[in-house]
Protein backbone atom coordinates (compact mmCIF):
# COMPACT_ATOMS: atom_id res chain seq x y z
CA PHE A 1 36.55 -12.55 -11.02
CA GLN A 2 40.30 -12.45 -10.62
CA TRP A 3 40.50 -11.98 -14.40
CA THR A 4 37.77 -9.29 -14.44
CA ASN A 5 39.54 -7.45 -11.65
CA GLU A 6 42.79 -7.57 -13.63
CA VAL A 7 41.06 -6.19 -16.73
CA ALA A 8 39.45 -3.42 -14.69
CA ALA A 9 42.79 -2.48 -13.14
CA LEU A 10 44.48 -2.31 -16.56
CA VAL A 11 41.76 -0.11 -18.01
CA GLU A 12 41.73 2.07 -14.89
CA LYS A 13 45.40 2.92 -15.49
CA LYS A 14 44.66 4.25 -19.00
CA ILE A 15 41.06 5.46 -18.66
CA PRO A 16 40.16 6.12 -15.02
CA GLY A 17 36.63 6.10 -13.67
CA LYS A 18 35.04 3.57 -16.02
CA LYS A 19 32.42 1.03 -14.96
CA PHE A 20 32.25 -2.52 -16.30
CA GLY A 21 28.99 -4.42 -16.56
CA LEU A 22 29.16 -8.14 -15.89
CA LEU A 23 26.26 -10.54 -16.43
CA ALA A 24 25.61 -12.77 -13.43
CA TYR A 25 23.90 -15.65 -15.24
CA LEU A 26 23.18 -19.00 -13.61
CA GLN A 27 26.83 -20.06 -13.58
CA VAL A 28 27.81 -16.98 -11.57
CA LEU A 29 24.48 -16.14 -9.97
CA GLU A 30 26.13 -16.41 -6.57
CA PRO A 31 28.89 -13.86 -5.88
CA PRO A 32 32.50 -14.95 -5.48
CA THR A 33 33.72 -15.82 -2.01
CA ARG A 34 37.49 -16.07 -2.61
CA VAL A 35 38.03 -12.87 -4.60
CA GLU A 36 36.82 -9.35 -3.89
CA VAL A 37 34.94 -7.67 -6.72
CA ASP A 38 36.65 -4.52 -8.00
CA PRO A 39 34.46 -1.45 -7.24
CA SER A 40 34.35 -0.56 -10.95
CA ILE A 41 32.63 -3.85 -11.81
CA VAL A 42 28.82 -3.77 -11.81
CA PRO A 43 27.31 -7.25 -11.71
CA PHE A 44 23.97 -7.39 -13.55
CA ILE A 45 21.92 -10.12 -11.91
CA THR A 46 19.89 -11.84 -14.60
CA TYR A 47 16.44 -11.70 -13.23
CA GLU A 48 12.86 -11.70 -14.46
CA ASN A 49 10.99 -9.05 -12.47
CA THR A 50 7.66 -10.30 -13.79
CA ARG A 51 8.02 -13.20 -11.36
CA TRP A 52 8.32 -10.88 -8.34
CA GLU A 53 4.81 -11.85 -7.19
CA ASP A 54 5.92 -15.46 -6.66
CA PRO A 55 7.02 -15.49 -2.99
CA GLU A 56 9.56 -18.30 -3.43
CA TYR A 57 11.18 -16.68 -6.45
CA ARG A 58 11.14 -13.26 -4.81
CA GLU A 59 12.83 -14.60 -1.67
CA LYS A 60 15.49 -16.34 -3.76
CA MET A 61 16.25 -13.23 -5.79
CA GLU A 62 16.27 -10.99 -2.71
CA LYS A 63 18.88 -13.28 -1.14
CA VAL A 64 20.97 -13.32 -4.32
CA THR A 65 20.77 -9.53 -4.62
CA GLU A 66 21.67 -9.06 -0.96
CA ALA A 67 24.63 -11.44 -1.31
CA TRP A 68 25.86 -9.52 -4.35
CA GLY A 69 25.32 -6.30 -2.40
CA GLU A 70 27.85 -7.58 0.12
CA ALA A 71 30.34 -8.42 -2.63
CA ALA A 72 29.98 -5.43 -4.97
CA SER A 73 29.63 -1.70 -4.47
CA THR A 74 26.91 -1.24 -7.10
CA LEU A 75 24.49 -3.66 -8.76
CA GLY A 76 22.37 -3.93 -11.86
CA TRP A 77 19.42 -6.07 -12.84
CA TYR A 78 19.17 -7.63 -16.29
CA ASP A 79 15.48 -8.20 -16.91
CA TYR A 80 13.42 -10.07 -19.51
CA VAL A 81 10.31 -8.18 -20.61
CA TYR A 82 9.11 -10.34 -23.45
CA GLY A 83 5.58 -10.03 -24.71
CA ALA A 84 5.52 -10.46 -28.47
CA ARG A 85 5.87 -14.23 -28.16
CA TYR A 86 2.63 -14.50 -26.22
CA LEU A 87 -0.91 -14.47 -27.62
CA ILE A 88 -2.17 -12.44 -24.68
CA PRO A 89 -0.77 -9.22 -23.17
CA ARG A 90 1.94 -9.65 -20.57
CA PHE A 91 1.18 -6.93 -18.09
CA PHE A 92 2.85 -6.53 -14.69
CA PRO A 93 3.42 -2.87 -13.71
CA HIS A 94 2.72 -3.39 -10.00
CA ALA A 95 5.19 -6.27 -9.76
CA GLU A 96 7.79 -4.19 -11.60
CA GLN A 97 7.24 -1.31 -9.21
CA LYS A 98 7.60 -3.51 -6.12
CA SER A 99 10.81 -5.01 -7.42
CA LEU A 100 12.29 -1.66 -8.50
CA VAL A 101 11.56 -0.04 -5.14
CA TRP A 102 13.14 -2.97 -3.32
CA GLY A 103 16.13 -2.96 -5.68
CA ALA A 104 16.70 0.78 -5.26
CA ASP A 105 16.97 0.17 -1.52
CA HIS A 106 19.50 -2.64 -2.06
CA LYS A 107 22.27 -1.16 -4.26
CA VAL A 108 20.55 -1.79 -7.61
CA LYS A 109 21.45 1.36 -9.56
CA TYR A 110 21.43 0.01 -13.11
CA TYR A 111 18.75 -1.74 -15.11
CA TYR A 112 18.67 -3.33 -18.54
CA ALA A 113 15.85 -5.27 -20.15
CA GLU A 114 15.55 -7.45 -23.18
CA ALA A 115 12.21 -6.12 -24.34
CA ILE A 116 10.27 -7.47 -27.27
CA PRO A 117 6.80 -6.06 -26.70
CA SER A 118 3.58 -6.61 -28.56
CA TRP A 119 1.22 -3.74 -29.21
CA LEU A 120 -1.28 -5.43 -26.87
CA GLU A 121 0.93 -4.70 -23.89
CA GLY A 122 0.00 -1.05 -24.18
CA PRO A 123 1.39 0.92 -21.25
CA ASN A 124 3.70 -1.79 -19.91
CA LEU A 125 7.05 -0.47 -21.17
CA TRP A 126 5.93 3.15 -20.90
CA ALA A 127 5.14 2.68 -17.19
CA LEU A 128 8.36 0.73 -16.66
CA ASN A 129 10.42 3.56 -18.13
CA LYS A 130 8.65 6.08 -15.90
CA LEU A 131 9.30 3.88 -12.86
CA LEU A 132 12.98 3.59 -13.71
CA TRP A 133 13.26 7.36 -13.20
CA ASN A 134 11.46 7.12 -9.87
CA PRO A 135 10.18 3.72 -8.68
CA ARG A 136 8.22 5.31 -5.85
CA GLN A 137 5.75 7.03 -8.16
CA ASP A 138 2.12 5.99 -7.93
CA VAL A 139 1.94 3.43 -10.72
CA ASP A 140 -1.85 3.71 -10.87
CA VAL A 141 -1.61 7.45 -11.57
CA LEU A 142 0.90 6.71 -14.33
CA LEU A 143 -1.38 4.09 -15.85
CA ASP A 144 -4.42 6.37 -15.66
CA ASP A 145 -2.45 9.04 -17.53
CA TRP A 146 -1.62 6.52 -20.25
CA TYR A 147 -5.17 5.17 -20.51
CA THR A 148 -6.61 8.68 -20.84
CA ALA A 149 -4.01 9.70 -23.42
CA ALA A 150 -4.63 6.51 -25.40
CA VAL A 151 -8.43 6.48 -25.60
CA GLY A 152 -9.78 9.58 -23.86
CA ALA A 153 -11.35 10.11 -20.46
CA GLY A 154 -14.63 8.38 -21.34
CA ALA A 155 -13.10 5.07 -22.43
CA ALA A 156 -10.11 5.07 -20.05
CA PRO A 157 -11.91 3.10 -17.27
CA LYS A 158 -12.75 0.29 -19.71
CA LEU A 159 -9.15 0.14 -20.92
CA ARG A 160 -8.00 0.01 -17.29
CA GLN A 161 -10.37 -2.96 -16.69
CA PHE A 162 -8.93 -4.75 -19.73
CA TYR A 163 -5.37 -4.46 -18.43
CA GLU A 164 -6.38 -5.35 -14.87
CA ILE A 165 -7.69 -8.68 -16.20
CA TRP A 166 -4.29 -9.46 -17.72
CA GLU A 167 -2.31 -8.31 -14.72
CA LYS A 168 -4.40 -10.60 -12.51
CA PHE A 169 -3.84 -13.45 -14.95
CA TRP A 170 -0.03 -13.09 -14.80
CA ARG A 171 0.02 -12.35 -11.07
CA ASP A 172 -2.39 -15.03 -9.83
CA ASP A 173 -3.84 -17.38 -12.44
CA ILE A 174 -0.64 -18.43 -14.22
CA ARG A 175 1.02 -19.35 -10.93
CA SER A 176 -1.59 -22.04 -10.27
CA SER A 177 -1.35 -23.49 -13.79
CA GLU A 178 0.98 -26.23 -14.99
CA TRP A 179 2.72 -23.76 -17.27
């Protein structure tokens, strides 16, 4: 972080007001304690929001985010929203919403996701993008809009049921499996 601060200071002299994203992977998941982080540096905590429903993981990531919030003026989250590699839809809009609301209240102003969706995930990325504009929106209203637009008002309740099955699977069932 001494080096990143030096780089930021050099750039600031020539091009003032720039921000610098920095990935806080495992090796630097904890913020520095011996060097202050330059205010122009935005640490992106590498984090999988789909795991927000796991209380142990959530507590760990809340602590990491809060610690970074003490060390840096602004934060980002670097998320992993993979779905194409799975044979079933990965669907987690309520977990995403919970995490985004919490993050917005704890200095998380930036968000980036590696997203490789499958067509089966349907409204997942659409709802995520809507929530990034305003995480306090009613995610169920957003989803109902998508379901109705996708298949019409008559079939929308059945499509909602389909995605509720997969959200429950990722929220509850997978946590009790060996995987």
